[in-house]
N, C-alpha and C. Protein backbone atom coordinates (compact mmCIF):
# COMPACT_ATOMS: atom_id res chain seq x y z
N MET A 1 6.62 38.65 6.58
CA MET A 1 6.83 38.09 6.04
C MET A 1 7.67 36.89 6.89
N GLN A 2 7.61 35.77 7.13
CA GLN A 2 8.09 34.58 7.63
C GLN A 2 9.06 33.59 6.08
N GLN A 3 10.33 33.24 7.07
CA GLN A 3 11.13 32.88 5.91
C GLN A 3 11.68 31.22 7.11
N TYR A 4 11.07 30.16 6.20
CA TYR A 4 11.34 29.42 7.36
C TYR A 4 11.30 28.11 5.81
N THR A 5 12.03 27.42 6.86
CA THR A 5 12.18 26.08 5.91
C THR A 5 11.69 24.39 6.67
N LYS A 6 11.37 23.62 5.66
CA LYS A 6 10.69 22.63 6.36
C LYS A 6 11.41 21.22 6.16
N ASP A 7 11.64 20.06 7.03
CA ASP A 7 12.51 19.15 6.76
C ASP A 7 11.47 18.01 6.70
N ASP A 8 12.34 17.01 6.50
CA ASP A 8 11.48 16.35 6.03
C ASP A 8 10.87 15.52 7.01
N ASP A 9 10.57 15.83 7.92
CA ASP A 9 9.67 15.53 9.54
C ASP A 9 8.67 16.42 9.35
N GLY A 10 8.98 17.40 8.44
CA GLY A 10 7.95 18.25 9.03
C GLY A 10 7.91 19.27 9.86
N ARG A 11 9.50 19.39 10.50
CA ARG A 11 9.93 20.42 11.30
C ARG A 11 10.00 21.74 11.11
N LEU A 12 9.53 22.88 11.48
CA LEU A 12 9.90 24.20 10.76
C LEU A 12 11.72 24.64 11.65
N ASN A 13 12.08 25.39 10.32
CA ASN A 13 13.19 25.79 11.34
C ASN A 13 12.80 27.55 11.05
N ASN A 14 12.89 28.05 11.84
CA ASN A 14 13.11 29.87 11.63
C ASN A 14 14.56 30.43 11.50
N PHE A 15 14.47 30.80 10.84
CA PHE A 15 16.36 32.01 10.61
C PHE A 15 15.88 33.39 10.60
N ALA A 16 17.05 34.04 10.94
CA ALA A 16 17.00 35.40 11.33
C ALA A 16 16.92 36.38 9.73
N ARG A 17 16.39 36.78 9.66
CA ARG A 17 16.81 37.51 7.85
C ARG A 17 17.88 38.63 8.33
N GLU A 18 19.06 37.43 6.84
CA GLU A 18 20.55 38.38 6.70
C GLU A 18 19.89 39.80 6.60
N PRO A 19 20.37 40.94 6.76
CA PRO A 19 20.66 42.01 6.54
C PRO A 19 21.49 42.14 5.08
N LYS A 20 21.22 43.32 3.89
CA LYS A 20 21.51 43.56 2.69
C LYS A 20 23.44 43.15 2.82
N MET A 21 24.04 42.76 1.92
CA MET A 21 25.17 43.47 1.78
C MET A 21 25.76 44.77 1.28
N TYR A 22 26.51 45.44 1.63
CA TYR A 22 27.34 46.55 0.81
C TYR A 22 28.13 46.42 1.01
N GLN A 23 29.45 46.96 0.11
CA GLN A 23 30.38 47.79 0.29
C GLN A 23 30.88 49.12 0.56
N ALA A 24 31.51 49.23 1.57
CA ALA A 24 31.97 50.07 1.94
C ALA A 24 33.04 51.33 1.56
N GLU A 25 32.41 52.20 1.54
CA GLU A 25 32.80 53.76 0.67
C GLU A 25 33.74 53.84 1.35
N PRO A 26 34.80 54.31 0.09
CA PRO A 26 36.20 54.78 1.13
C PRO A 26 35.96 56.22 1.38
N ILE A 27 36.61 56.40 2.86
CA ILE A 27 36.07 57.90 3.76
C ILE A 27 36.99 59.56 2.60
N ASP A 28 36.09 60.22 2.65
CA ASP A 28 36.74 61.22 2.04
C ASP A 28 37.30 62.42 2.52
N ALA A 29 37.71 63.47 2.31
CA ALA A 29 38.54 64.53 3.11
C ALA A 29 37.98 65.57 4.34
N ALA A 30 36.50 65.10 4.02
CA ALA A 30 35.83 65.95 5.66
C ALA A 30 35.38 64.74 5.73
N GLN A 31 35.87 64.12 6.00
CA GLN A 31 35.58 62.84 6.85
C GLN A 31 36.15 62.49 8.09
N LYS A 32 37.49 63.03 7.04
CA LYS A 32 38.98 62.13 7.40
C LYS A 32 38.98 63.43 8.62
N ARG A 33 38.68 65.14 8.32
CA ARG A 33 38.63 66.11 9.40
C ARG A 33 37.98 65.82 10.74
N ASN A 34 37.05 65.79 10.01
CA ASN A 34 35.97 65.32 11.11
C ASN A 34 36.21 64.12 12.22
N TYR A 35 36.94 63.32 11.78
CA TYR A 35 37.19 61.90 12.79
C TYR A 35 38.82 62.57 13.35
N LEU A 36 39.66 63.40 12.91
CA LEU A 36 40.52 63.80 13.18
C LEU A 36 39.98 64.75 14.64
N ILE A 37 39.04 65.82 14.30
CA ILE A 37 38.24 66.51 14.88
C ILE A 37 37.81 65.84 16.50
N ILE A 38 37.20 64.96 15.90
CA ILE A 38 36.78 64.28 16.97
C ILE A 38 37.54 63.32 18.28
N ALA A 39 38.68 62.37 17.26
CA ALA A 39 39.53 62.43 18.17
C ALA A 39 40.60 63.06 18.98
N SER A 40 41.00 64.40 18.21
CA SER A 40 41.24 65.44 19.18
C SER A 40 40.84 65.94 20.17
N VAL A 41 39.58 65.83 20.39
CA VAL A 41 38.51 66.66 21.17
C VAL A 41 38.43 65.45 22.34
N GLY A 42 38.67 64.45 21.72
CA GLY A 42 38.44 62.89 23.10
C GLY A 42 39.89 63.49 23.58
N ALA A 43 41.43 62.92 23.01
CA ALA A 43 41.82 63.07 23.76
C ALA A 43 42.15 63.75 24.62
N PHE A 44 41.84 65.44 24.59
CA PHE A 44 41.87 66.63 25.64
C PHE A 44 40.78 65.98 26.71
N LEU A 45 39.73 66.22 25.96
CA LEU A 45 38.86 65.09 27.67
C LEU A 45 39.83 63.62 28.70
N VAL A 46 40.33 63.11 27.66
CA VAL A 46 40.97 62.31 28.81
C VAL A 46 42.21 62.53 29.37
N VAL A 47 43.10 63.28 28.74
CA VAL A 47 44.10 64.08 29.44
C VAL A 47 43.45 65.40 30.46
N GLY A 48 42.30 66.14 30.34
CA GLY A 48 42.18 66.70 31.34
C GLY A 48 41.55 66.31 32.22
N LEU A 49 41.13 64.94 31.80
CA LEU A 49 40.01 63.79 33.18
C LEU A 49 41.51 63.46 34.32
N ILE A 50 42.62 63.49 33.39
CA ILE A 50 43.56 62.44 34.35
C ILE A 50 44.18 63.85 35.05
N ALA A 51 44.51 64.79 34.78
CA ALA A 51 45.00 65.67 35.22
C ALA A 51 44.33 66.69 36.42
N LEU A 52 42.88 66.62 35.70
CA LEU A 52 41.75 66.49 37.83
C LEU A 52 42.28 65.28 37.91
N ALA A 53 42.10 64.60 37.77
CA ALA A 53 42.02 63.56 38.94
C ALA A 53 43.66 63.06 39.71
N SER A 54 44.48 63.97 39.34
CA SER A 54 45.81 63.77 40.03
C SER A 54 45.97 65.48 41.11
N VAL A 55 45.21 65.93 40.40
CA VAL A 55 44.84 67.14 40.97
C VAL A 55 44.19 66.96 42.21
N ILE A 56 43.19 66.36 42.08
CA ILE A 56 42.05 66.22 43.09
C ILE A 56 42.72 65.12 44.38
N SER A 57 43.71 63.99 43.73
CA SER A 57 43.87 63.45 44.98
C SER A 57 45.18 63.91 45.35
């Protein structure tokens, strides 16, 4: 489905379709736990890579 407007001179203006807006829902306890696990694994990987780089150099 094309969405366009036509001005007085007969030219067409095409616009991108905008997505529907929705309210973000607050995170629950399970999502908080998952974020904490992901953050701790990421921090462990970063610290491990820094330690590995310092040992190698």
